[in-house]
Amino acid sequence: MFGLGPTELIIIAVIVLLIFGAKRLPEIGKGLGGAIREFKNVKKELSPKKTGDEGQDTDNASTKKEDLPPNLETKIVGKVLEQVPGVKKAMDVKKKAEKLKELVK
């Protein structure tokens, strides 16, 4: 598994436990599981559309393919922000830091 042995995995698990704490780990796991589940659902929704577009004009199919990634990305970002605790706060801090950088320039 990616060249990681049991010792490395135990060390990583201990570090994650120390960083997030025992109470937060189930919440984070639940949020990540929900995000992965939603990603799979969105992927399934988009798969039939691609097979149906093959018979159409290539120009129309290419414009639809260009529209799909932003929609997919926004759906995934929205679900992650809803389900993973702490991500929304981190995104808010990042936006504030970017605004501060702009003001300093």
C-alpha atoms as a PDB file:
ATOM      1  CA  MET A   1       0.000   0.000   0.000  1.00  0.00           C
ATOM      2  CA  PHE A   2       2.053   2.935  -1.337  1.00  0.00           C
ATOM      3  CA  GLY A   3       5.191   1.524   0.284  1.00  0.00           C
ATOM      4  CA  LEU A   4       3.964   2.232   3.811  1.00  0.00           C
ATOM      5  CA  GLY A   5       4.590  -0.419   6.388  1.00  0.00           C
ATOM      6  CA  PRO A   6       2.689  -1.040   9.596  1.00  0.00           C
ATOM      7  CA  THR A   7       5.114   1.115  11.606  1.00  0.00           C
ATOM      8  CA  GLU A   8       4.587   4.143   9.363  1.00  0.00           C
ATOM      9  CA  LEU A   9       0.812   3.700   9.452  1.00  0.00           C
ATOM     10  CA  ILE A  10       0.830   3.530  13.264  1.00  0.00           C
ATOM     11  CA  ILE A  11       2.930   6.699  13.459  1.00  0.00           C
ATOM     12  CA  ILE A  12       0.563   8.496  11.080  1.00  0.00           C
ATOM     13  CA  ALA A  13      -2.453   7.317  13.108  1.00  0.00           C
ATOM     14  CA  VAL A  14      -0.912   8.585  16.358  1.00  0.00           C
ATOM     15  CA  ILE A  15      -0.123  11.970  14.806  1.00  0.00           C
ATOM     16  CA  VAL A  16      -3.681  12.289  13.454  1.00  0.00           C
ATOM     17  CA  LEU A  17      -5.052  11.313  16.863  1.00  0.00           C
ATOM     18  CA  LEU A  18      -2.907  13.951  18.569  1.00  0.00           C
ATOM     19  CA  ILE A  19      -3.838  16.675  16.085  1.00  0.00           C
ATOM     20  CA  PHE A  20      -7.592  16.131  15.940  1.00  0.00           C
ATOM     21  CA  GLY A  21      -8.352  14.337  19.201  1.00  0.00           C
ATOM     22  CA  ALA A  22     -10.425  11.246  19.831  1.00  0.00           C
ATOM     23  CA  LYS A  23     -13.755  13.115  19.830  1.00  0.00           C
ATOM     24  CA  ARG A  24     -13.242  14.710  16.405  1.00  0.00           C
ATOM     25  CA  LEU A  25     -12.092  11.609  14.513  1.00  0.00           C
ATOM     26  CA  PRO A  26     -15.584  10.050  14.116  1.00  0.00           C
ATOM     27  CA  GLU A  27     -16.948  13.397  12.873  1.00  0.00           C
ATOM     28  CA  ILE A  28     -14.146  13.748  10.351  1.00  0.00           C
ATOM     29  CA  GLY A  29     -14.571  10.155   9.188  1.00  0.00           C
ATOM     30  CA  LYS A  30     -18.309  10.616   8.792  1.00  0.00           C
ATOM     31  CA  GLY A  31     -17.794  13.824   6.831  1.00  0.00           C
ATOM     32  CA  LEU A  32     -15.184  12.309   4.538  1.00  0.00           C
ATOM     33  CA  GLY A  33     -17.328   9.224   3.999  1.00  0.00           C
ATOM     34  CA  GLY A  34     -20.294  11.397   3.058  1.00  0.00           C
ATOM     35  CA  ALA A  35     -18.157  13.453   0.693  1.00  0.00           C
ATOM     36  CA  ILE A  36     -16.836  10.327  -1.012  1.00  0.00           C
ATOM     37  CA  ARG A  37     -20.366   8.906  -1.258  1.00  0.00           C
ATOM     38  CA  GLU A  38     -21.621  12.154  -2.799  1.00  0.00           C
ATOM     39  CA  PHE A  39     -18.703  12.188  -5.240  1.00  0.00           C
ATOM     40  CA  LYS A  40     -19.630   8.669  -6.373  1.00  0.00           C
ATOM     41  CA  ASN A  41     -23.280   9.688  -6.770  1.00  0.00           C
ATOM     42  CA  VAL A  42     -22.342  12.725  -8.875  1.00  0.00           C
ATOM     43  CA  LYS A  43     -20.020  10.556 -10.939  1.00  0.00           C
ATOM     44  CA  LYS A  44     -22.859   8.092 -11.578  1.00  0.00           C
ATOM     45  CA  GLU A  45     -25.163  10.960 -12.561  1.00  0.00           C
ATOM     46  CA  LEU A  46     -22.666  12.270 -15.083  1.00  0.00           C
ATOM     47  CA  SER A  47     -21.727   8.903 -16.589  1.00  0.00           C
ATOM     48  CA  PRO A  48     -24.991   8.252 -18.519  1.00  0.00           C
ATOM     49  CA  LYS A  49     -24.903  11.788 -19.949  1.00  0.00           C
ATOM     50  CA  LYS A  50     -21.517  11.144 -21.532  1.00  0.00           C
ATOM     51  CA  THR A  51     -22.734   7.973 -23.268  1.00  0.00           C
ATOM     52  CA  GLY A  52     -25.833   9.772 -24.572  1.00  0.00           C
ATOM     53  CA  ASP A  53     -23.756  12.645 -26.023  1.00  0.00           C
ATOM     54  CA  GLU A  54     -21.712  10.374 -28.309  1.00  0.00           C
ATOM     55  CA  GLY A  55     -24.339  10.370 -31.060  1.00  0.00           C
ATOM     56  CA  GLN A  56     -24.633  14.172 -31.116  1.00  0.00           C
ATOM     57  CA  ASP A  57     -22.596  16.776 -32.935  1.00  0.00           C
ATOM     58  CA  THR A  58     -19.020  17.046 -31.679  1.00  0.00           C
ATOM     59  CA  ASP A  59     -19.322  20.786 -31.047  1.00  0.00           C
ATOM     60  CA  ASN A  60     -22.301  20.332 -28.731  1.00  0.00           C
ATOM     61  CA  ALA A  61     -20.629  17.432 -26.907  1.00  0.00           C
ATOM     62  CA  SER A  62     -17.435  19.418 -26.355  1.00  0.00           C
ATOM     63  CA  THR A  63     -19.290  22.412 -24.930  1.00  0.00           C
ATOM     64  CA  LYS A  64     -21.206  20.143 -22.567  1.00  0.00           C
ATOM     65  CA  LYS A  65     -17.993  18.465 -21.424  1.00  0.00           C
ATOM     66  CA  GLU A  66     -16.489  21.887 -20.726  1.00  0.00           C
ATOM     67  CA  ASP A  67     -19.504  22.766 -18.578  1.00  0.00           C
ATOM     68  CA  LEU A  68     -19.345  19.569 -16.498  1.00  0.00           C
ATOM     69  CA  PRO A  69     -16.124  20.046 -14.475  1.00  0.00           C
ATOM     70  CA  PRO A  70     -17.126  23.379 -12.863  1.00  0.00           C
ATOM     71  CA  ASN A  71     -20.528  21.947 -11.902  1.00  0.00           C
ATOM     72  CA  LEU A  72     -18.908  18.807 -10.520  1.00  0.00           C
ATOM     73  CA  GLU A  73     -16.309  20.837  -8.685  1.00  0.00           C
ATOM     74  CA  THR A  74     -18.839  23.179  -7.116  1.00  0.00           C
ATOM     75  CA  LYS A  75     -21.006  20.249  -5.999  1.00  0.00           C
ATOM     76  CA  ILE A  76     -18.065  18.513  -4.375  1.00  0.00           C
ATOM     77  CA  VAL A  77     -16.816  21.693  -2.705  1.00  0.00           C
ATOM     78  CA  GLY A  78     -20.296  22.386  -1.371  1.00  0.00           C
ATOM     79  CA  LYS A  79     -20.654  18.902   0.081  1.00  0.00           C
ATOM     80  CA  VAL A  80     -17.198  18.981   1.641  1.00  0.00           C
ATOM     81  CA  LEU A  81     -17.923  22.358   3.221  1.00  0.00           C
ATOM     82  CA  GLU A  82     -21.180  20.995   4.643  1.00  0.00           C
ATOM     83  CA  GLN A  83     -19.918  17.657   5.911  1.00  0.00           C
ATOM     84  CA  VAL A  84     -16.296  18.001   7.014  1.00  0.00           C
ATOM     85  CA  PRO A  85     -15.987  19.962  10.255  1.00  0.00           C
ATOM     86  CA  GLY A  86     -13.491  22.795  10.267  1.00  0.00           C
ATOM     87  CA  VAL A  87     -13.174  23.126   6.486  1.00  0.00           C
ATOM     88  CA  LYS A  88     -15.551  26.083   6.284  1.00  0.00           C
ATOM     89  CA  LYS A  89     -13.642  27.912   9.002  1.00  0.00           C
ATOM     90  CA  ALA A  90     -10.369  27.206   7.217  1.00  0.00           C
ATOM     91  CA  MET A  91     -11.780  28.520   3.930  1.00  0.00           C
ATOM     92  CA  ASP A  92     -12.987  31.690   5.682  1.00  0.00           C
ATOM     93  CA  VAL A  93      -9.539  32.226   7.205  1.00  0.00           C
ATOM     94  CA  LYS A  94      -7.948  31.691   3.798  1.00  0.00           C
ATOM     95  CA  LYS A  95     -10.243  34.288   2.189  1.00  0.00           C
ATOM     96  CA  LYS A  96      -9.461  36.794   4.944  1.00  0.00           C
ATOM     97  CA  ALA A  97      -5.732  36.188   4.489  1.00  0.00           C
ATOM     98  CA  GLU A  98      -6.042  36.765   0.729  1.00  0.00           C
ATOM     99  CA  LYS A  99      -7.913  40.030   1.318  1.00  0.00           C
ATOM    100  CA  LEU A 100      -5.216  41.107   3.770  1.00  0.00           C
ATOM    101  CA  LYS A 101      -2.499  40.347   1.192  1.00  0.00           C
ATOM    102  CA  GLU A 102      -4.333  42.486  -1.355  1.00  0.00           C
ATOM    103  CA  LEU A 103      -4.566  45.375   1.107  1.00  0.00           C
ATOM    104  CA  VAL A 104      -0.872  45.144   1.941  1.00  0.00           C
ATOM    105  CA  LYS A 105       0.111  45.351  -1.740  1.00  0.00           C
END
